[in-house]
Amino acid sequence: MPPQASPFFRFALRVLSAISSCNWRAYLDLLRRAPFLLASAAAIHLPNMRSAALKVLIWSGEKVADGVSATGRTTGVPLSRFAADLLFDSLPAARAFAAHSHLASLFV
């Protein structure tokens, strides 16, 4: 069987494609469905993909009127949504990630 036919090879190609296109949703879906060993190998990119996802969540968050900015400003992202969407084990783990990234003020 050629290496390209291997399910592991196809998984690796899908992970690389999701990473290179910054498709954090596809990346996280792959991690959810992967066997433990494959998910562990692919999880090395998890912090970077979480950061990319956080930017999207903040950008797409609820807006409120802001006199200074024509586009408004983001009111915040619920921490529970952030933790669930980005595969954190718990709310404290998501809170620690946000604090480490100096982004804790963005969560409601």
Protein backbone atom coordinates (compact mmCIF):
# COMPACT_ATOMS: atom_id res chain seq x y z
CA MET A 1 0.00 0.00 0.00
CA PRO A 2 1.47 3.39 -0.95
CA PRO A 3 2.02 5.82 1.97
CA GLN A 4 -0.60 8.23 0.58
CA ALA A 5 -3.29 5.57 1.10
CA SER A 6 -2.54 5.33 4.81
CA PRO A 7 -5.21 6.85 7.09
CA PHE A 8 -2.42 8.32 9.22
CA PHE A 9 -0.90 10.06 6.22
CA ARG A 10 -4.30 11.44 5.20
CA PHE A 11 -4.86 12.68 8.75
CA ALA A 12 -1.49 14.43 8.75
CA LEU A 13 -2.30 16.11 5.42
CA ARG A 14 -5.66 17.31 6.74
CA VAL A 15 -4.00 18.71 9.88
CA LEU A 16 -1.34 20.49 7.83
CA SER A 17 -3.99 21.90 5.52
CA ALA A 18 -6.03 23.23 8.44
CA ILE A 19 -2.94 24.81 10.00
CA SER A 20 -1.69 26.40 6.79
CA SER A 21 -5.10 27.89 6.04
CA CYS A 22 -5.59 29.00 9.69
CA ASN A 23 -8.81 26.99 9.75
CA TRP A 24 -8.95 26.52 13.50
CA ARG A 25 -12.42 24.93 13.38
CA ALA A 26 -11.26 22.14 11.04
CA TYR A 27 -8.10 21.66 13.13
CA LEU A 28 -10.06 21.33 16.38
CA ASP A 29 -12.58 18.98 14.74
CA LEU A 30 -9.70 16.78 13.61
CA LEU A 31 -8.32 16.70 17.15
CA ARG A 32 -11.72 15.77 18.58
CA ARG A 33 -12.11 12.79 16.24
CA ALA A 34 -8.49 11.57 16.23
CA PRO A 35 -7.17 8.63 18.22
CA PHE A 36 -5.14 9.65 21.27
CA LEU A 37 -1.68 9.20 19.73
CA LEU A 38 -2.50 11.15 16.56
CA ALA A 39 -4.21 13.91 18.53
CA SER A 40 -1.19 14.15 20.83
CA ALA A 41 1.16 14.56 17.87
CA ALA A 42 -1.07 17.19 16.25
CA ALA A 43 -1.64 19.07 19.54
CA ILE A 44 1.80 20.69 19.31
CA HIS A 45 0.09 23.41 17.25
CA LEU A 46 -2.79 23.86 19.68
CA PRO A 47 -1.61 27.10 21.39
CA ASN A 48 -1.11 28.86 18.04
CA MET A 49 -4.45 27.67 16.70
CA ARG A 50 -6.17 28.77 19.90
CA SER A 51 -4.65 32.22 19.49
CA ALA A 52 -5.93 32.41 15.90
CA ALA A 53 -9.36 31.23 17.01
CA LEU A 54 -9.44 33.79 19.81
CA LYS A 55 -8.83 36.58 17.32
CA VAL A 56 -11.77 35.36 15.24
CA LEU A 57 -14.03 35.05 18.28
CA ILE A 58 -13.17 38.57 19.39
CA TRP A 59 -13.58 40.01 15.90
CA SER A 60 -16.96 38.32 15.47
CA GLY A 61 -18.14 39.13 18.99
CA GLU A 62 -21.08 41.29 19.87
CA LYS A 63 -20.49 44.96 19.09
CA VAL A 64 -21.64 48.03 21.00
CA ALA A 65 -21.74 51.63 19.87
CA ASP A 66 -18.44 53.43 20.29
CA GLY A 67 -18.14 57.13 19.52
CA VAL A 68 -14.46 56.84 18.63
CA SER A 69 -14.71 53.89 16.26
CA ALA A 70 -17.09 53.68 13.32
CA THR A 71 -17.22 49.88 13.57
CA GLY A 72 -17.88 49.71 17.30
CA ARG A 73 -15.99 47.64 19.82
CA THR A 74 -16.32 44.10 21.04
CA THR A 75 -18.11 43.71 24.35
CA GLY A 76 -16.37 40.45 25.11
CA VAL A 77 -16.61 36.71 24.60
CA PRO A 78 -18.22 34.47 27.22
CA LEU A 79 -15.44 32.47 28.85
CA SER A 80 -17.60 29.32 28.74
CA ARG A 81 -17.93 29.64 24.92
CA PHE A 82 -14.19 30.21 24.57
CA ALA A 83 -13.41 27.16 26.73
CA ALA A 84 -15.87 24.89 24.90
CA ASP A 85 -15.02 26.00 21.35
CA LEU A 86 -11.26 25.76 21.83
CA LEU A 87 -11.21 22.41 23.66
CA PHE A 88 -10.00 23.53 27.07
CA ASP A 89 -10.34 20.92 29.82
CA SER A 90 -11.92 23.41 32.22
CA LEU A 91 -12.85 27.05 32.74
CA PRO A 92 -9.78 27.64 34.97
CA ALA A 93 -7.53 26.35 32.16
CA ALA A 94 -9.16 28.76 29.69
CA ARG A 95 -8.88 31.59 32.22
CA ALA A 96 -5.16 30.80 32.74
CA PHE A 97 -4.55 30.82 28.96
CA ALA A 98 -6.29 34.19 28.68
CA ALA A 99 -4.32 35.61 31.60
CA HIS A 100 -1.04 34.32 30.17
CA SER A 101 -1.92 35.94 26.83
CA HIS A 102 -2.83 39.20 28.60
CA LEU A 103 -6.36 38.90 27.19
CA ALA A 104 -8.36 38.23 30.35
CA SER A 105 -10.18 41.54 30.05
CA LEU A 106 -11.84 40.37 26.82
CA PHE A 107 -13.94 37.73 28.53
CA VAL A 108 -17.26 38.28 30.24
